[in-house]
């Protein structure tokens, strides 16, 4: 029973953390979050389309060979090959777009966190600045904010895509 309570407590903590991070992402830029979601869904659907097109390519080539080069079957095989190439280009574009939006979100998130640290620092009195412990915490927060954001980027953003992207 105690183990179940521990798991439930940990689950609540994870959900709370996810909620706070997603709210922060949304506050930074809802359009980037929507774009990332769209690119992630597109990249997740792409392998299924590639499998269908590959099946069509194989069937078209087999038909062209079986029918001994009948022009309709040859053109269908060529069209299927072009469609396969188009999907490869689409994959590259979606991946590049997703990486660009992730970088943009990271940069904007870094700016927001730095601005929040600066606002806090501006609200401090001279006496508080002279407090070595408080000053050290502010400096550490400023230095570590970038590393924390990098960890968030590499841990949280790809997790959403992992459910869709099964290549």
Protein backbone atom coordinates (compact mmCIF):
# COMPACT_ATOMS: atom_id res chain seq x y z
CA UNK A 1 0.00 0.00 0.00
CA UNK A 2 2.83 2.37 0.85
CA UNK A 3 4.44 1.63 -2.51
CA UNK A 4 1.23 2.63 -4.31
CA UNK A 5 1.11 5.88 -2.37
CA UNK A 6 4.72 6.59 -3.32
CA UNK A 7 4.00 5.93 -7.01
CA UNK A 8 0.90 8.13 -6.89
CA UNK A 9 2.88 10.91 -5.19
CA UNK A 10 5.64 10.69 -7.80
CA UNK A 11 3.08 10.65 -10.60
CA UNK A 12 1.46 13.81 -9.22
CA UNK A 13 4.86 15.48 -9.08
CA UNK A 14 5.64 14.52 -12.69
CA UNK A 15 2.26 15.76 -13.89
CA UNK A 16 2.71 19.00 -11.97
CA UNK A 17 6.15 19.52 -13.51
CA UNK A 18 4.89 18.79 -17.03
CA UNK A 19 1.99 21.17 -16.50
CA UNK A 20 4.28 23.99 -15.34
CA UNK A 21 6.72 23.44 -18.21
CA UNK A 22 3.99 23.31 -20.85
CA UNK A 23 2.37 26.45 -19.43
CA UNK A 24 5.75 28.18 -19.54
CA UNK A 25 6.27 27.07 -23.15
CA UNK A 26 2.78 28.30 -24.06
CA UNK A 27 3.37 31.66 -22.38
CA UNK A 28 6.66 32.10 -24.22
CA UNK A 29 5.13 31.53 -27.66
CA UNK A 30 1.89 29.72 -28.39
CA UNK A 31 2.58 29.84 -32.13
CA UNK A 32 5.89 28.05 -31.75
CA UNK A 33 4.26 25.38 -29.57
CA UNK A 34 1.49 24.90 -32.16
CA UNK A 35 4.12 24.75 -34.92
CA UNK A 36 6.16 22.19 -33.00
CA UNK A 37 3.04 20.12 -32.46
CA UNK A 38 2.19 20.28 -36.17
CA UNK A 39 5.73 19.33 -37.24
CA UNK A 40 5.83 16.50 -34.70
CA UNK A 41 2.50 15.09 -35.89
CA UNK A 42 3.63 15.43 -39.51
CA UNK A 43 6.86 13.61 -38.78
CA UNK A 44 4.92 10.94 -36.95
CA UNK A 45 2.57 10.35 -39.88
CA UNK A 46 5.32 10.41 -42.49
CA UNK A 47 6.62 6.83 -41.92
CA UNK A 48 3.14 5.41 -42.54
CA UNK A 49 2.93 7.37 -45.79
CA UNK A 50 6.42 6.20 -46.77
CA UNK A 51 5.42 2.58 -46.20
CA UNK A 52 2.33 3.01 -48.37
CA UNK A 53 4.32 4.68 -51.14
CA UNK A 54 7.06 2.03 -50.94
CA UNK A 55 4.38 -0.64 -51.32
CA UNK A 56 3.02 1.23 -54.33
CA UNK A 57 6.53 1.53 -55.81
CA UNK A 58 7.13 -2.21 -55.49
CA UNK A 59 3.73 -3.04 -56.95
CA UNK A 60 4.20 -0.59 -59.84
CA UNK A 61 7.65 -1.91 -60.71
CA UNK A 62 6.42 -5.50 -60.50
CA UNK A 63 3.50 -4.67 -62.78
CA UNK A 64 5.78 -2.89 -65.26
CA UNK A 65 8.12 -5.91 -65.35
CA UNK A 66 5.25 -8.42 -65.57
CA UNK A 67 3.58 -6.50 -68.40
CA UNK A 68 6.94 -6.21 -70.22
CA UNK A 69 7.25 -2.42 -70.18
CA UNK A 70 3.74 -1.30 -71.03
CA UNK A 71 4.00 2.53 -70.94
CA UNK A 72 1.17 2.98 -68.42
CA UNK A 73 2.86 0.71 -65.91
CA UNK A 74 6.30 2.24 -66.49
CA UNK A 75 4.93 5.75 -65.96
CA UNK A 76 3.13 4.58 -62.80
CA UNK A 77 6.42 3.16 -61.49
CA UNK A 78 8.24 6.41 -62.28
CA UNK A 79 5.50 8.46 -60.62
CA UNK A 80 5.70 6.25 -57.53
CA UNK A 81 9.48 6.75 -57.43
CA UNK A 82 9.04 10.52 -57.67
CA UNK A 83 6.45 10.38 -54.90
CA UNK A 84 8.93 8.47 -52.72
CA UNK A 85 11.54 11.16 -53.40
CA UNK A 86 8.99 13.86 -52.55
CA UNK A 87 8.29 12.21 -49.20
CA UNK A 88 12.03 12.12 -48.47
CA UNK A 89 12.26 15.85 -49.20
CA UNK A 90 9.17 16.48 -47.05
CA UNK A 91 10.82 14.55 -44.22
CA UNK A 92 13.92 16.74 -44.46
CA UNK A 93 11.81 19.92 -44.50
CA UNK A 94 9.71 18.84 -41.53
CA UNK A 95 12.80 17.84 -39.54
CA UNK A 96 14.52 21.13 -40.33
CA UNK A 97 11.40 23.10 -39.42
CA UNK A 98 11.03 21.23 -36.15
CA UNK A 99 14.67 21.82 -35.23
CA UNK A 100 14.37 25.51 -36.12
CA UNK A 101 11.27 25.94 -33.97
CA UNK A 102 12.92 24.07 -31.09
CA UNK A 103 15.92 26.38 -31.28
CA UNK A 104 13.66 29.42 -31.49
CA UNK A 105 11.65 28.27 -28.48
CA UNK A 106 14.85 27.61 -26.53
CA UNK A 107 16.17 31.08 -27.35
CA UNK A 108 12.91 32.79 -26.39
CA UNK A 109 12.63 30.69 -23.24
CA UNK A 110 16.17 31.67 -22.30
CA UNK A 111 15.29 35.33 -22.81
CA UNK A 112 12.17 35.01 -20.63
CA UNK A 113 14.07 33.30 -17.81
CA UNK A 114 16.92 35.82 -18.01
CA UNK A 115 14.39 38.66 -17.93
CA UNK A 116 12.71 37.15 -14.86
CA UNK A 117 16.08 36.91 -13.12
CA UNK A 118 16.82 40.54 -14.03
CA UNK A 119 13.42 41.64 -12.72
CA UNK A 120 14.11 39.88 -9.44
CA UNK A 121 17.57 41.44 -9.25
CA UNK A 122 16.11 44.90 -9.93
CA UNK A 123 13.65 44.48 -7.08
CA UNK A 124 16.41 43.77 -4.54
CA UNK A 125 17.68 46.43 -2.21
CA UNK A 126 21.34 47.29 -1.83
CA UNK A 127 21.38 45.51 1.51
CA UNK A 128 20.07 42.34 -0.12
CA UNK A 129 22.77 42.60 -2.79
CA UNK A 130 25.37 42.73 -0.07
CA UNK A 131 24.08 39.43 1.31
CA UNK A 132 26.66 37.00 -0.10
CA UNK A 133 24.37 33.98 0.01
CA UNK A 134 21.53 35.70 -1.88
CA UNK A 135 23.92 37.20 -4.43
CA UNK A 136 25.53 33.81 -5.01
CA UNK A 137 22.11 32.19 -5.53
CA UNK A 138 21.18 34.86 -8.08
CA UNK A 139 24.46 34.41 -9.95
CA UNK A 140 24.10 30.61 -9.90
CA UNK A 141 20.53 30.87 -11.16
CA UNK A 142 21.67 33.10 -13.99
CA UNK A 143 24.53 30.77 -14.98
CA UNK A 144 22.51 27.58 -14.67
CA UNK A 145 19.40 28.85 -16.41
CA UNK A 146 20.88 28.11 -19.82
CA UNK A 147 21.89 24.56 -18.87
CA UNK A 148 18.48 23.83 -17.39
CA UNK A 149 16.84 25.08 -20.57
CA UNK A 150 19.10 22.89 -22.69
CA UNK A 151 18.15 19.87 -20.60
CA UNK A 152 14.48 20.77 -20.96
CA UNK A 153 14.87 21.03 -24.70
CA UNK A 154 16.55 17.67 -25.08
CA UNK A 155 14.39 15.81 -22.58
CA UNK A 156 10.90 17.21 -22.90
CA UNK A 157 10.43 18.25 -26.53
CA UNK A 158 11.47 14.92 -28.06
CA UNK A 159 9.26 13.01 -25.62
CA UNK A 160 6.15 14.30 -27.31
CA UNK A 161 7.50 13.24 -30.68
CA UNK A 162 8.48 9.81 -29.40
CA UNK A 163 4.82 8.83 -29.25
CA UNK A 164 4.30 9.70 -32.92
CA UNK A 165 7.70 9.21 -34.52
CA UNK A 166 8.41 5.45 -34.68
CA UNK A 167 11.05 5.27 -37.41
